[in-house]
Amino acid sequence: MMGIGFPELMIILVIIMIIFGAGKLPEIGSAFGNSIKNFKKSMKDAEEIQEATSLEDSGDSNSSQTDDLNDAETPEGETKKDTAPSQETKEN
């Protein structure tokens, strides 16, 4: 297997300095660092979104199972009553 050691890194650094010049190296390093930071941030955001959707999916399946159980408990011929309290709006 090939490994990149210190001599190889020095050669690469010299080539980069010849191509871009010593003045541009801090700008290139900063841009590279920002790119890595943004990539990590977007990966973290994507994982959070994926976790949220998986939690919502499991929550939706649980609520539909609860509705099925409630329907099964209601005897035939009876209508299911709304147990939620009615909300009245008050005007000022």
PDB file of N, CA and C in Angstrom:
ATOM      1  N   MET A   1       0.834  -1.173   0.000  1.00  0.00           N
ATOM      2  CA  MET A   1       0.000   0.000   0.000  1.00  0.00           C
ATOM      3  C   MET A   1       0.881   1.240   0.000  1.00  0.00           C
ATOM      4  N   MET A   2       0.358   2.253  -0.658  1.00  0.00           N
ATOM      5  CA  MET A   2       1.097   3.504  -0.697  1.00  0.00           C
ATOM      6  C   MET A   2       0.648   4.404   0.438  1.00  0.00           C
ATOM      7  N   GLY A   3       1.602   5.013   1.056  1.00  0.00           N
ATOM      8  CA  GLY A   3       1.293   5.976   2.100  1.00  0.00           C
ATOM      9  C   GLY A   3       1.968   7.294   1.752  1.00  0.00           C
ATOM     10  N   ILE A   4       1.364   8.371   2.184  1.00  0.00           N
ATOM     11  CA  ILE A   4       1.964   9.678   1.947  1.00  0.00           C
ATOM     12  C   ILE A   4       2.704  10.059   3.215  1.00  0.00           C
ATOM     13  N   GLY A   5       3.995  10.160   3.102  1.00  0.00           N
ATOM     14  CA  GLY A   5       4.821  10.521   4.235  1.00  0.00           C
ATOM     15  C   GLY A   5       5.199  11.990   4.192  1.00  0.00           C
ATOM     16  N   PHE A   6       6.104  12.367   5.078  1.00  0.00           N
ATOM     17  CA  PHE A   6       6.536  13.752   5.169  1.00  0.00           C
ATOM     18  C   PHE A   6       7.219  14.243   3.892  1.00  0.00           C
ATOM     19  N   PRO A   7       8.113  13.456   3.281  1.00  0.00           N
ATOM     20  CA  PRO A   7       8.755  13.956   2.044  1.00  0.00           C
ATOM     21  C   PRO A   7       7.760  14.216   0.912  1.00  0.00           C
ATOM     22  N   GLU A   8       6.776  13.348   0.786  1.00  0.00           N
ATOM     23  CA  GLU A   8       5.778  13.537  -0.260  1.00  0.00           C
ATOM     24  C   GLU A   8       4.943  14.791  -0.002  1.00  0.00           C
ATOM     25  N   LEU A   9       4.583  15.016   1.270  1.00  0.00           N
ATOM     26  CA  LEU A   9       3.812  16.211   1.613  1.00  0.00           C
ATOM     27  C   LEU A   9       4.604  17.484   1.331  1.00  0.00           C
ATOM     28  N   MET A  10       5.901  17.461   1.589  1.00  0.00           N
ATOM     29  CA  MET A  10       6.746  18.633   1.315  1.00  0.00           C
ATOM     30  C   MET A  10       6.802  18.920  -0.185  1.00  0.00           C
ATOM     31  N   ILE A  11       6.899  17.886  -0.983  1.00  0.00           N
ATOM     32  CA  ILE A  11       6.929  18.065  -2.446  1.00  0.00           C
ATOM     33  C   ILE A  11       5.607  18.667  -2.924  1.00  0.00           C
ATOM     34  N   ILE A  12       4.488  18.153  -2.396  1.00  0.00           N
ATOM     35  CA  ILE A  12       3.180  18.683  -2.777  1.00  0.00           C
ATOM     36  C   ILE A  12       3.067  20.144  -2.368  1.00  0.00           C
ATOM     37  N   LEU A  13       3.526  20.499  -1.165  1.00  0.00           N
ATOM     38  CA  LEU A  13       3.474  21.875  -0.686  1.00  0.00           C
ATOM     39  C   LEU A  13       4.309  22.805  -1.563  1.00  0.00           C
ATOM     40  N   VAL A  14       5.487  22.357  -1.975  1.00  0.00           N
ATOM     41  CA  VAL A  14       6.341  23.176  -2.850  1.00  0.00           C
ATOM     42  C   VAL A  14       5.658  23.400  -4.200  1.00  0.00           C
ATOM     43  N   ILE A  15       5.038  22.372  -4.748  1.00  0.00           N
ATOM     44  CA  ILE A  15       4.354  22.504  -6.031  1.00  0.00           C
ATOM     45  C   ILE A  15       3.190  23.488  -5.910  1.00  0.00           C
ATOM     46  N   ILE A  16       2.439  23.394  -4.805  1.00  0.00           N
ATOM     47  CA  ILE A  16       1.319  24.312  -4.597  1.00  0.00           C
ATOM     48  C   ILE A  16       1.822  25.740  -4.464  1.00  0.00           C
ATOM     49  N   MET A  17       2.941  25.939  -3.764  1.00  0.00           N
ATOM     50  CA  MET A  17       3.495  27.293  -3.614  1.00  0.00           C
ATOM     51  C   MET A  17       3.951  27.855  -4.953  1.00  0.00           C
ATOM     52  N   ILE A  18       4.493  26.996  -5.803  1.00  0.00           N
ATOM     53  CA  ILE A  18       4.933  27.456  -7.128  1.00  0.00           C
ATOM     54  C   ILE A  18       3.718  27.859  -7.968  1.00  0.00           C
ATOM     55  N   ILE A  19       2.666  27.066  -7.909  1.00  0.00           N
ATOM     56  CA  ILE A  19       1.489  27.339  -8.741  1.00  0.00           C
ATOM     57  C   ILE A  19       0.734  28.574  -8.254  1.00  0.00           C
ATOM     58  N   PHE A  20       0.420  28.633  -6.964  1.00  0.00           N
ATOM     59  CA  PHE A  20      -0.440  29.695  -6.449  1.00  0.00           C
ATOM     60  C   PHE A  20       0.307  30.860  -5.826  1.00  0.00           C
ATOM     61  N   GLY A  21       1.507  30.662  -5.395  1.00  0.00           N
ATOM     62  CA  GLY A  21       2.257  31.714  -4.718  1.00  0.00           C
ATOM     63  C   GLY A  21       1.990  31.703  -3.226  1.00  0.00           C
ATOM     64  N   ALA A  22       2.910  32.253  -2.475  1.00  0.00           N
ATOM     65  CA  ALA A  22       2.807  32.221  -1.016  1.00  0.00           C
ATOM     66  C   ALA A  22       1.674  33.115  -0.502  1.00  0.00           C
ATOM     67  N   GLY A  23       1.321  34.150  -1.231  1.00  0.00           N
ATOM     68  CA  GLY A  23       0.268  35.064  -0.798  1.00  0.00           C
ATOM     69  C   GLY A  23      -1.118  34.457  -0.842  1.00  0.00           C
ATOM     70  N   LYS A  24      -1.342  33.527  -1.744  1.00  0.00           N
ATOM     71  CA  LYS A  24      -2.671  32.921  -1.901  1.00  0.00           C
ATOM     72  C   LYS A  24      -2.883  31.728  -0.969  1.00  0.00           C
ATOM     73  N   LEU A  25      -1.845  31.201  -0.358  1.00  0.00           N
ATOM     74  CA  LEU A  25      -1.996  30.001   0.468  1.00  0.00           C
ATOM     75  C   LEU A  25      -2.970  30.197   1.635  1.00  0.00           C
ATOM     76  N   PRO A  26      -2.926  31.318   2.363  1.00  0.00           N
ATOM     77  CA  PRO A  26      -3.913  31.477   3.442  1.00  0.00           C
ATOM     78  C   PRO A  26      -5.359  31.512   2.925  1.00  0.00           C
ATOM     79  N   GLU A  27      -5.573  32.129   1.778  1.00  0.00           N
ATOM     80  CA  GLU A  27      -6.921  32.169   1.208  1.00  0.00           C
ATOM     81  C   GLU A  27      -7.384  30.771   0.807  1.00  0.00           C
ATOM     82  N   ILE A  28      -6.501  30.000   0.226  1.00  0.00           N
ATOM     83  CA  ILE A  28      -6.845  28.636  -0.184  1.00  0.00           C
ATOM     84  C   ILE A  28      -7.139  27.778   1.041  1.00  0.00           C
ATOM     85  N   GLY A  29      -6.308  27.911   2.073  1.00  0.00           N
ATOM     86  CA  GLY A  29      -6.535  27.153   3.308  1.00  0.00           C
ATOM     87  C   GLY A  29      -7.853  27.522   3.965  1.00  0.00           C
ATOM     88  N   SER A  30      -8.152  28.807   3.988  1.00  0.00           N
ATOM     89  CA  SER A  30      -9.403  29.269   4.583  1.00  0.00           C
ATOM     90  C   SER A  30     -10.604  28.742   3.801  1.00  0.00           C
ATOM     91  N   ALA A  31     -10.544  28.804   2.489  1.00  0.00           N
ATOM     92  CA  ALA A  31     -11.638  28.305   1.660  1.00  0.00           C
ATOM     93  C   ALA A  31     -11.819  26.799   1.840  1.00  0.00           C
ATOM     94  N   PHE A  32     -10.706  26.082   1.934  1.00  0.00           N
ATOM     95  CA  PHE A  32     -10.771  24.631   2.135  1.00  0.00           C
ATOM     96  C   PHE A  32     -11.383  24.310   3.501  1.00  0.00           C
ATOM     97  N   GLY A  33     -10.975  25.049   4.529  1.00  0.00           N
ATOM     98  CA  GLY A  33     -11.530  24.837   5.871  1.00  0.00           C
ATOM     99  C   GLY A  33     -13.022  25.140   5.929  1.00  0.00           C
ATOM    100  N   ASN A  34     -13.445  26.238   5.285  1.00  0.00           N
ATOM    101  CA  ASN A  34     -14.873  26.572   5.247  1.00  0.00           C
ATOM    102  C   ASN A  34     -15.672  25.514   4.500  1.00  0.00           C
ATOM    103  N   SER A  35     -15.093  24.968   3.448  1.00  0.00           N
ATOM    104  CA  SER A  35     -15.774  23.914   2.697  1.00  0.00           C
ATOM    105  C   SER A  35     -16.007  22.687   3.564  1.00  0.00           C
ATOM    106  N   ILE A  36     -14.991  22.300   4.315  1.00  0.00           N
ATOM    107  CA  ILE A  36     -15.123  21.137   5.189  1.00  0.00           C
ATOM    108  C   ILE A  36     -16.151  21.411   6.284  1.00  0.00           C
ATOM    109  N   LYS A  37     -16.125  22.619   6.859  1.00  0.00           N
ATOM    110  CA  LYS A  37     -17.070  22.975   7.921  1.00  0.00           C
ATOM    111  C   LYS A  37     -18.507  22.947   7.401  1.00  0.00           C
ATOM    112  N   ASN A  38     -18.737  23.496   6.214  1.00  0.00           N
ATOM    113  CA  ASN A  38     -20.079  23.503   5.637  1.00  0.00           C
ATOM    114  C   ASN A  38     -20.545  22.098   5.295  1.00  0.00           C
ATOM    115  N   PHE A  39     -19.624  21.261   4.843  1.00  0.00           N
ATOM    116  CA  PHE A  39     -19.972  19.877   4.525  1.00  0.00           C
ATOM    117  C   PHE A  39     -20.409  19.139   5.785  1.00  0.00           C
ATOM    118  N   LYS A  40     -19.660  19.301   6.867  1.00  0.00           N
ATOM    119  CA  LYS A  40     -20.021  18.644   8.120  1.00  0.00           C
ATOM    120  C   LYS A  40     -21.363  19.151   8.639  1.00  0.00           C
ATOM    121  N   LYS A  41     -21.605  20.464   8.516  1.00  0.00           N
ATOM    122  CA  LYS A  41     -22.860  21.042   8.976  1.00  0.00           C
ATOM    123  C   LYS A  41     -24.036  20.486   8.187  1.00  0.00           C
ATOM    124  N   SER A  42     -23.901  20.394   6.872  1.00  0.00           N
ATOM    125  CA  SER A  42     -25.001  19.884   6.060  1.00  0.00           C
ATOM    126  C   SER A  42     -25.235  18.395   6.311  1.00  0.00           C
ATOM    127  N   MET A  43     -24.175  17.643   6.607  1.00  0.00           N
ATOM    128  CA  MET A  43     -24.355  16.226   6.942  1.00  0.00           C
ATOM    129  C   MET A  43     -25.105  16.095   8.271  1.00  0.00           C
ATOM    130  N   LYS A  44     -24.772  16.947   9.241  1.00  0.00           N
ATOM    131  CA  LYS A  44     -25.442  16.917  10.541  1.00  0.00           C
ATOM    132  C   LYS A  44     -26.910  17.296  10.374  1.00  0.00           C
ATOM    133  N   ASP A  45     -27.188  18.325   9.574  1.00  0.00           N
ATOM    134  CA  ASP A  45     -28.567  18.737   9.322  1.00  0.00           C
ATOM    135  C   ASP A  45     -29.368  17.628   8.642  1.00  0.00           C
ATOM    136  N   ALA A  46     -28.730  16.949   7.698  1.00  0.00           N
ATOM    137  CA  ALA A  46     -29.409  15.865   6.991  1.00  0.00           C
ATOM    138  C   ALA A  46     -29.741  14.725   7.949  1.00  0.00           C
ATOM    139  N   GLU A  47     -28.829  14.415   8.876  1.00  0.00           N
ATOM    140  CA  GLU A  47     -29.098  13.361   9.850  1.00  0.00           C
ATOM    141  C   GLU A  47     -30.246  13.759  10.772  1.00  0.00           C
ATOM    142  N   GLU A  48     -30.287  15.038  11.190  1.00  0.00           N
ATOM    143  CA  GLU A  48     -31.367  15.503  12.054  1.00  0.00           C
ATOM    144  C   GLU A  48     -32.710  15.425  11.339  1.00  0.00           C
ATOM    145  N   ILE A  49     -32.745  15.784  10.071  1.00  0.00           N
ATOM    146  CA  ILE A  49     -33.978  15.718   9.296  1.00  0.00           C
ATOM    147  C   ILE A  49     -34.425  14.268   9.153  1.00  0.00           C
ATOM    148  N   GLN A  50     -33.469  13.385   8.911  1.00  0.00           N
ATOM    149  CA  GLN A  50     -33.789  11.975   8.756  1.00  0.00           C
ATOM    150  C   GLN A  50     -34.342  11.401  10.066  1.00  0.00           C
ATOM    151  N   GLU A  51     -33.745  11.781  11.204  1.00  0.00           N
ATOM    152  CA  GLU A  51     -34.240  11.318  12.494  1.00  0.00           C
ATOM    153  C   GLU A  51     -35.643  11.858  12.761  1.00  0.00           C
ATOM    154  N   ALA A  52     -35.871  13.129  12.414  1.00  0.00           N
ATOM    155  CA  ALA A  52     -37.181  13.732  12.644  1.00  0.00           C
ATOM    156  C   ALA A  52     -38.250  13.038  11.805  1.00  0.00           C
ATOM    157  N   THR A  53     -37.950  12.741  10.559  1.00  0.00           N
ATOM    158  CA  THR A  53     -38.942  12.073   9.715  1.00  0.00           C
ATOM    159  C   THR A  53     -39.190  10.646  10.183  1.00  0.00           C
ATOM    160  N   SER A  54     -38.157   9.973  10.676  1.00  0.00           N
ATOM    161  CA  SER A  54     -38.369   8.613  11.164  1.00  0.00           C
ATOM    162  C   SER A  54     -39.203   8.631  12.441  1.00  0.00           C
ATOM    163  N   LEU A  55     -39.015   9.659  13.294  1.00  0.00           N
ATOM    164  CA  LEU A  55     -39.840   9.779  14.492  1.00  0.00           C
ATOM    165  C   LEU A  55     -41.281  10.105  14.124  1.00  0.00           C
ATOM    166  N   GLU A  56     -41.479  10.979  13.129  1.00  0.00           N
ATOM    167  CA  GLU A  56     -42.832  11.309  12.692  1.00  0.00           C
ATOM    168  C   GLU A  56     -43.521  10.087  12.096  1.00  0.00           C
ATOM    169  N   ASP A  57     -42.774   9.294  11.318  1.00  0.00           N
ATOM    170  CA  ASP A  57     -43.356   8.102  10.722  1.00  0.00           C
ATOM    171  C   ASP A  57     -43.782   7.119  11.797  1.00  0.00           C
ATOM    172  N   SER A  58     -42.956   6.931  12.812  1.00  0.00           N
ATOM    173  CA  SER A  58     -43.326   6.013  13.881  1.00  0.00           C
ATOM    174  C   SER A  58     -44.476   6.592  14.700  1.00  0.00           C
ATOM    175  N   GLY A  59     -44.530   7.905  14.860  1.00  0.00           N
ATOM    176  CA  GLY A  59     -45.636   8.543  15.569  1.00  0.00           C
ATOM    177  C   GLY A  59     -46.929   8.421  14.800  1.00  0.00           C
ATOM    178  N   ASP A  60     -46.871   8.550  13.470  1.00  0.00           N
ATOM    179  CA  ASP A  60     -48.066   8.416  12.644  1.00  0.00           C
ATOM    180  C   ASP A  60     -48.607   6.998  12.703  1.00  0.00           C
ATOM    181  N   SER A  61     -47.740   6.009  12.682  1.00  0.00           N
ATOM    182  CA  SER A  61     -48.209   4.631  12.727  1.00  0.00           C
ATOM    183  C   SER A  61     -48.804   4.319  14.091  1.00  0.00           C
ATOM    184  N   ASN A  62     -48.260   4.898  15.165  1.00  0.00           N
ATOM    185  CA  ASN A  62     -48.836   4.684  16.494  1.00  0.00           C
ATOM    186  C   ASN A  62     -50.205   5.323  16.606  1.00  0.00           C
ATOM    187  N   SER A  63     -50.402   6.523  16.060  1.00  0.00           N
ATOM    188  CA  SER A  63     -51.701   7.186  16.150  1.00  0.00           C
ATOM    189  C   SER A  63     -52.739   6.442  15.323  1.00  0.00           C
ATOM    190  N   SER A  64     -52.362   5.887  14.190  1.00  0.00           N
ATOM    191  CA  SER A  64     -53.332   5.137  13.395  1.00  0.00           C
ATOM    192  C   SER A  64     -53.698   3.833  14.093  1.00  0.00           C
ATOM    193  N   GLN A  65     -52.749   3.237  14.820  1.00  0.00           N
ATOM    194  CA  GLN A  65     -53.063   2.034  15.577  1.00  0.00           C
ATOM    195  C   GLN A  65     -54.015   2.372  16.720  1.00  0.00           C
ATOM    196  N   THR A  66     -53.839   3.507  17.359  1.00  0.00           N
ATOM    197  CA  THR A  66     -54.722   3.938  18.428  1.00  0.00           C
ATOM    198  C   THR A  66     -56.122   4.184  17.888  1.00  0.00           C
ATOM    199  N   ASP A  67     -56.229   4.808  16.722  1.00  0.00           N
ATOM    200  CA  ASP A  67     -57.540   5.036  16.106  1.00  0.00           C
ATOM    201  C   ASP A  67     -58.219   3.710  15.800  1.00  0.00           C
ATOM    202  N   ASP A  68     -57.455   2.737  15.313  1.00  0.00           N
ATOM    203  CA  ASP A  68     -58.013   1.428  15.023  1.00  0.00           C
ATOM    204  C   ASP A  68     -58.537   0.773  16.296  1.00  0.00           C
ATOM    205  N   LEU A  69     -57.802   0.909  17.399  1.00  0.00           N
ATOM    206  CA  LEU A  69     -58.245   0.337  18.664  1.00  0.00           C
ATOM    207  C   LEU A  69     -59.512   1.028  19.159  1.00  0.00           C
ATOM    208  N   ASN A  70     -59.578   2.340  19.034  1.00  0.00           N
ATOM    209  CA  ASN A  70     -60.762   3.074  19.461  1.00  0.00           C
ATOM    210  C   ASN A  70     -61.971   2.681  18.630  1.00  0.00           C
ATOM    211  N   ASP A  71     -61.784   2.475  17.337  1.00  0.00           N
ATOM    212  CA  ASP A  71     -62.879   2.048  16.474  1.00  0.00           C
ATOM    213  C   ASP A  71     -63.354   0.654  16.863  1.00  0.00           C
ATOM    214  N   ALA A  72     -62.427  -0.207  17.246  1.00  0.00           N
ATOM    215  CA  ALA A  72     -62.787  -1.567  17.616  1.00  0.00           C
ATOM    216  C   ALA A  72     -63.569  -1.587  18.932  1.00  0.00           C
ATOM    217  N   GLU A  73     -63.316  -0.608  19.829  1.00  0.00           N
ATOM    218  CA  GLU A  73     -63.998  -0.579  21.120  1.00  0.00           C
ATOM    219  C   GLU A  73     -65.419  -0.022  21.018  1.00  0.00           C
ATOM    220  N   THR A  74     -65.724   0.713  19.959  1.00  0.00           N
ATOM    221  CA  THR A  74     -67.055   1.299  19.802  1.00  0.00           C
ATOM    222  C   THR A  74     -68.015   0.214  19.326  1.00  0.00           C
ATOM    223  N   PRO A  75     -69.081  -0.053  20.095  1.00  0.00           N
ATOM    224  CA  PRO A  75     -70.045  -1.081  19.659  1.00  0.00           C
ATOM    225  C   PRO A  75     -70.776  -0.642  18.395  1.00  0.00           C
ATOM    226  N   GLU A  76     -71.243  -1.623  17.635  1.00  0.00           N
ATOM    227  CA  GLU A  76     -71.939  -1.305  16.397  1.00  0.00           C
ATOM    228  C   GLU A  76     -73.251  -0.595  16.704  1.00  0.00           C
ATOM    229  N   GLY A  77     -73.612   0.321  15.845  1.00  0.00           N
ATOM    230  CA  GLY A  77     -74.844   1.050  16.027  1.00  0.00           C
ATOM    231  C   GLY A  77     -74.655   2.331  16.821  1.00  0.00           C
ATOM    232  N   GLU A  78     -73.569   2.480  17.532  1.00  0.00           N
ATOM    233  CA  GLU A  78     -73.307   3.691  18.291  1.00  0.00           C
ATOM    234  C   GLU A  78     -72.329   4.566  17.513  1.00  0.00           C
ATOM    235  N   THR A  79     -72.532   5.844  17.639  1.00  0.00           N
ATOM    236  CA  THR A  79     -71.596   6.765  16.999  1.00  0.00           C
ATOM    237  C   THR A  79     -70.520   7.136  17.996  1.00  0.00           C
ATOM    238  N   LYS A  80     -69.380   7.363  17.492  1.00  0.00           N
ATOM    239  CA  LYS A  80     -68.250   7.721  18.337  1.00  0.00           C
ATOM    240  C   LYS A  80     -68.362   9.196  18.698  1.00  0.00           C
ATOM    241  N   LYS A  81     -68.337   9.510  19.992  1.00  0.00           N
ATOM    242  CA  LYS A  81     -68.463  10.882  20.446  1.00  0.00           C
ATOM    243  C   LYS A  81     -67.095  11.545  20.458  1.00  0.00           C
ATOM    244  N   ASP A  82     -67.107  12.811  20.152  1.00  0.00           N
ATOM    245  CA  ASP A  82     -65.871  13.593  20.198  1.00  0.00           C
ATOM    246  C   ASP A  82     -65.556  13.904  21.651  1.00  0.00           C
ATOM    247  N   THR A  83     -64.430  13.428  22.140  1.00  0.00           N
ATOM    248  CA  THR A  83     -64.077  13.629  23.541  1.00  0.00           C
ATOM    249  C   THR A  83     -63.246  14.889  23.745  1.00  0.00           C
ATOM    250  N   ALA A  84     -62.854  15.548  22.682  1.00  0.00           N
ATOM    251  CA  ALA A  84     -62.058  16.768  22.817  1.00  0.00           C
ATOM    252  C   ALA A  84     -62.972  17.912  23.239  1.00  0.00           C
ATOM    253  N   PRO A  85     -62.526  18.742  24.179  1.00  0.00           N
ATOM    254  CA  PRO A  85     -63.359  19.873  24.603  1.00  0.00           C
ATOM    255  C   PRO A  85     -63.495  20.887  23.482  1.00  0.00           C
ATOM    256  N   SER A  86     -64.686  21.458  23.387  1.00  0.00           N
ATOM    257  CA  SER A  86     -64.891  22.457  22.341  1.00  0.00           C
ATOM    258  C   SER A  86     -64.194  23.743  22.746  1.00  0.00           C
ATOM    259  N   GLN A  87     -63.648  24.404  21.772  1.00  0.00           N
ATOM    260  CA  GLN A  87     -62.925  25.642  22.037  1.00  0.00           C
ATOM    261  C   GLN A  87     -63.748  26.807  21.491  1.00  0.00           C
ATOM    262  N   GLU A  88     -64.103  27.703  22.381  1.00  0.00           N
ATOM    263  CA  GLU A  88     -64.859  28.875  21.977  1.00  0.00           C
ATOM    264  C   GLU A  88     -63.910  30.041  21.841  1.00  0.00           C
ATOM    265  N   THR A  89     -64.116  30.827  20.821  1.00  0.00           N
ATOM    266  CA  THR A  89     -63.254  32.002  20.637  1.00  0.00           C
ATOM    267  C   THR A  89     -63.920  33.194  21.294  1.00  0.00           C
ATOM    268  N   LYS A  90     -63.138  33.955  21.998  1.00  0.00           N
ATOM    269  CA  LYS A  90     -63.641  35.155  22.652  1.00  0.00           C
ATOM    270  C   LYS A  90     -63.128  36.374  21.896  1.00  0.00           C
ATOM    271  N   GLU A  91     -64.027  37.287  21.656  1.00  0.00           N
ATOM    272  CA  GLU A  91     -63.641  38.505  20.977  1.00  0.00           C
ATOM    273  C   GLU A  91     -63.450  39.604  22.004  1.00  0.00           C
ATOM    274  N   ASN A  92     -62.463  40.438  21.807  1.00  0.00           N
ATOM    275  CA  ASN A  92     -62.190  41.528  22.740  1.00  0.00           C
ATOM    276  C   ASN A  92     -63.034  42.722  22.448  1.00  0.00           C
TER     277      ASN A  92
END
